[in-house]
Amino acid sequence: MAGIRTTLTSWHKGSILRSLPPRAVITSLPRGMTLGHPYDEEQQNRILNKTLELLSQDAPLKPIILDEE
C-alpha cells in the first residue's frame, strides 16, 4: 500500500488490539506516560526509538508490546 507510513504508541492495549493500526507499540505504563516516566530520558528514548523503528518495516505488523515499568 502506497502512502505515508504511520505508527502508534499507546498504553491502552484493548483499544489497539481492537482497531489494529498498521504499526503499533503498546507499553505497560500508566495512562499519561505512554512514552515513559517524566524525566526518564533513557526510557523515553527506548520507547520512541522502538516506535520509529517500525516505520522501516512494511505493514501490517503485529503490535509490539514493551514491558516497560
N, C-alpha and C. Protein backbone atom coordinates (compact mmCIF):
# COMPACT_ATOMS: atom_id res chain seq x y z
N MET A 1 0.84 -1.17 0.00
CA MET A 1 0.00 0.00 0.00
C MET A 1 0.89 1.24 0.00
N ALA A 2 0.68 2.12 -0.93
CA ALA A 2 1.45 3.36 -1.01
C ALA A 2 0.85 4.40 -0.09
N GLY A 3 1.68 5.31 0.36
CA GLY A 3 1.18 6.37 1.23
C GLY A 3 2.18 6.75 2.28
N ILE A 4 1.72 7.44 3.28
CA ILE A 4 2.55 7.89 4.38
C ILE A 4 2.58 6.80 5.44
N ARG A 5 3.77 6.39 5.81
CA ARG A 5 3.91 5.36 6.87
C ARG A 5 3.53 5.97 8.20
N THR A 6 2.76 5.23 8.97
CA THR A 6 2.33 5.70 10.28
C THR A 6 2.57 4.63 11.33
N THR A 7 2.67 5.08 12.56
CA THR A 7 2.78 4.18 13.69
C THR A 7 2.10 4.82 14.89
N LEU A 8 1.78 4.01 15.87
CA LEU A 8 1.05 4.47 17.03
C LEU A 8 1.70 3.89 18.28
N THR A 9 1.79 4.71 19.32
CA THR A 9 2.26 4.25 20.63
C THR A 9 1.14 4.50 21.62
N SER A 10 0.81 3.51 22.42
CA SER A 10 -0.31 3.64 23.36
C SER A 10 -0.10 2.79 24.59
N TRP A 11 -0.76 3.15 25.66
CA TRP A 11 -0.78 2.36 26.89
C TRP A 11 -2.04 1.51 26.94
N HIS A 12 -3.01 1.78 26.06
CA HIS A 12 -4.33 1.14 26.11
C HIS A 12 -4.39 -0.06 25.17
N LYS A 13 -3.94 -1.19 25.66
CA LYS A 13 -3.83 -2.41 24.85
C LYS A 13 -5.16 -2.81 24.20
N GLY A 14 -6.25 -2.74 24.95
CA GLY A 14 -7.55 -3.16 24.43
C GLY A 14 -7.96 -2.41 23.18
N SER A 15 -7.82 -1.10 23.20
CA SER A 15 -8.19 -0.28 22.03
C SER A 15 -7.33 -0.59 20.83
N ILE A 16 -6.05 -0.77 21.06
CA ILE A 16 -5.13 -1.03 19.96
C ILE A 16 -5.43 -2.39 19.33
N LEU A 17 -5.65 -3.39 20.14
CA LEU A 17 -5.91 -4.73 19.60
C LEU A 17 -7.25 -4.79 18.87
N ARG A 18 -8.20 -3.93 19.24
CA ARG A 18 -9.48 -3.89 18.52
C ARG A 18 -9.35 -3.15 17.19
N SER A 19 -8.59 -2.05 17.17
CA SER A 19 -8.52 -1.23 15.96
C SER A 19 -7.43 -1.68 14.98
N LEU A 20 -6.43 -2.39 15.48
CA LEU A 20 -5.33 -2.92 14.67
C LEU A 20 -4.75 -1.91 13.67
N PRO A 21 -4.06 -0.88 14.18
CA PRO A 21 -3.38 0.04 13.27
C PRO A 21 -2.27 -0.69 12.52
N PRO A 22 -1.77 -0.13 11.42
CA PRO A 22 -0.75 -0.81 10.62
C PRO A 22 0.53 -1.14 11.41
N ARG A 23 0.91 -0.26 12.32
CA ARG A 23 2.09 -0.46 13.16
C ARG A 23 1.77 0.13 14.53
N ALA A 24 2.12 -0.59 15.59
CA ALA A 24 1.81 -0.07 16.93
C ALA A 24 2.78 -0.62 17.97
N VAL A 25 3.03 0.22 18.98
CA VAL A 25 3.79 -0.18 20.16
C VAL A 25 2.87 0.05 21.35
N ILE A 26 2.76 -0.96 22.19
CA ILE A 26 1.93 -0.86 23.39
C ILE A 26 2.86 -0.95 24.60
N THR A 27 2.72 0.01 25.50
CA THR A 27 3.52 -0.02 26.73
C THR A 27 2.63 -0.45 27.89
N SER A 28 3.27 -0.89 28.96
CA SER A 28 2.52 -1.28 30.16
C SER A 28 2.53 -0.16 31.19
N LEU A 29 2.85 1.03 30.73
CA LEU A 29 2.93 2.19 31.62
C LEU A 29 1.54 2.75 31.91
N PRO A 30 1.41 3.52 32.99
CA PRO A 30 0.11 4.10 33.32
C PRO A 30 -0.33 5.16 32.30
N ARG A 31 -1.61 5.40 32.29
CA ARG A 31 -2.21 6.43 31.45
C ARG A 31 -1.46 7.75 31.66
N GLY A 32 -1.17 8.42 30.57
CA GLY A 32 -0.46 9.69 30.65
C GLY A 32 1.04 9.57 30.55
N MET A 33 1.56 8.34 30.60
CA MET A 33 3.00 8.13 30.49
C MET A 33 3.33 7.19 29.34
N THR A 34 2.64 7.34 28.24
CA THR A 34 2.79 6.44 27.10
C THR A 34 4.24 6.31 26.66
N LEU A 35 4.98 7.40 26.63
CA LEU A 35 6.37 7.37 26.17
C LEU A 35 7.37 7.26 27.31
N GLY A 36 6.92 7.06 28.53
CA GLY A 36 7.84 6.87 29.63
C GLY A 36 7.57 7.79 30.81
N HIS A 37 8.27 7.50 31.89
CA HIS A 37 8.13 8.30 33.11
C HIS A 37 8.72 9.69 32.90
N PRO A 38 8.17 10.70 33.57
CA PRO A 38 8.73 12.05 33.48
C PRO A 38 10.20 12.05 33.88
N TYR A 39 11.00 12.77 33.13
CA TYR A 39 12.44 12.95 33.38
C TYR A 39 13.28 11.69 33.17
N ASP A 40 12.68 10.61 32.68
CA ASP A 40 13.43 9.39 32.41
C ASP A 40 13.76 9.35 30.92
N GLU A 41 14.77 10.12 30.53
CA GLU A 41 15.12 10.25 29.12
C GLU A 41 15.52 8.91 28.49
N GLU A 42 16.19 8.07 29.25
CA GLU A 42 16.61 6.77 28.74
C GLU A 42 15.40 5.93 28.33
N GLN A 43 14.42 5.86 29.21
CA GLN A 43 13.21 5.09 28.92
C GLN A 43 12.44 5.71 27.76
N GLN A 44 12.31 7.02 27.77
CA GLN A 44 11.58 7.70 26.71
C GLN A 44 12.23 7.47 25.35
N ASN A 45 13.56 7.52 25.32
CA ASN A 45 14.28 7.25 24.06
C ASN A 45 14.10 5.82 23.61
N ARG A 46 14.15 4.87 24.54
CA ARG A 46 13.94 3.45 24.19
C ARG A 46 12.58 3.25 23.53
N ILE A 47 11.54 3.79 24.15
CA ILE A 47 10.18 3.62 23.62
C ILE A 47 10.03 4.33 22.28
N LEU A 48 10.51 5.55 22.20
CA LEU A 48 10.38 6.31 20.96
C LEU A 48 11.16 5.64 19.83
N ASN A 49 12.37 5.19 20.10
CA ASN A 49 13.16 4.53 19.06
C ASN A 49 12.51 3.23 18.59
N LYS A 50 11.95 2.46 19.50
CA LYS A 50 11.25 1.22 19.11
C LYS A 50 10.06 1.55 18.21
N THR A 51 9.35 2.62 18.55
CA THR A 51 8.21 3.05 17.74
C THR A 51 8.67 3.48 16.34
N LEU A 52 9.71 4.28 16.29
CA LEU A 52 10.19 4.79 15.00
C LEU A 52 10.79 3.68 14.13
N GLU A 53 11.38 2.65 14.76
CA GLU A 53 11.93 1.52 14.00
C GLU A 53 10.86 0.84 13.15
N LEU A 54 9.64 0.85 13.62
CA LEU A 54 8.55 0.18 12.89
C LEU A 54 8.30 0.83 11.54
N LEU A 55 8.64 2.11 11.40
CA LEU A 55 8.39 2.81 10.14
C LEU A 55 9.21 2.25 8.99
N SER A 56 10.29 1.56 9.30
CA SER A 56 11.13 0.98 8.24
C SER A 56 10.60 -0.37 7.75
N GLN A 57 9.57 -0.87 8.40
CA GLN A 57 9.02 -2.18 8.04
C GLN A 57 7.69 -2.04 7.31
N ASP A 58 7.46 -2.95 6.37
CA ASP A 58 6.18 -2.93 5.66
C ASP A 58 5.06 -3.37 6.58
N ALA A 59 3.93 -2.71 6.45
CA ALA A 59 2.75 -3.03 7.27
C ALA A 59 1.84 -3.96 6.50
N PRO A 60 0.94 -4.62 7.18
CA PRO A 60 0.64 -4.55 8.61
C PRO A 60 1.59 -5.42 9.43
N LEU A 61 1.83 -4.98 10.66
CA LEU A 61 2.66 -5.71 11.62
C LEU A 61 1.84 -6.01 12.86
N LYS A 62 2.20 -7.07 13.55
CA LYS A 62 1.57 -7.33 14.85
C LYS A 62 2.04 -6.24 15.80
N PRO A 63 1.16 -5.77 16.69
CA PRO A 63 1.59 -4.76 17.67
C PRO A 63 2.75 -5.29 18.53
N ILE A 64 3.69 -4.41 18.81
CA ILE A 64 4.83 -4.72 19.68
C ILE A 64 4.42 -4.35 21.11
N ILE A 65 4.59 -5.27 22.04
CA ILE A 65 4.25 -4.99 23.43
C ILE A 65 5.55 -4.87 24.21
N LEU A 66 5.80 -3.67 24.75
CA LEU A 66 7.01 -3.41 25.52
C LEU A 66 6.71 -3.58 27.01
N ASP A 67 7.60 -4.26 27.69
CA ASP A 67 7.44 -4.47 29.12
C ASP A 67 8.21 -3.39 29.89
N GLU A 68 7.74 -2.18 29.78
CA GLU A 68 8.35 -1.03 30.46
C GLU A 68 7.57 -0.76 31.72
N GLU A 69 8.28 -0.53 32.81
CA GLU A 69 7.61 -0.22 34.07
C GLU A 69 8.04 1.11 34.60
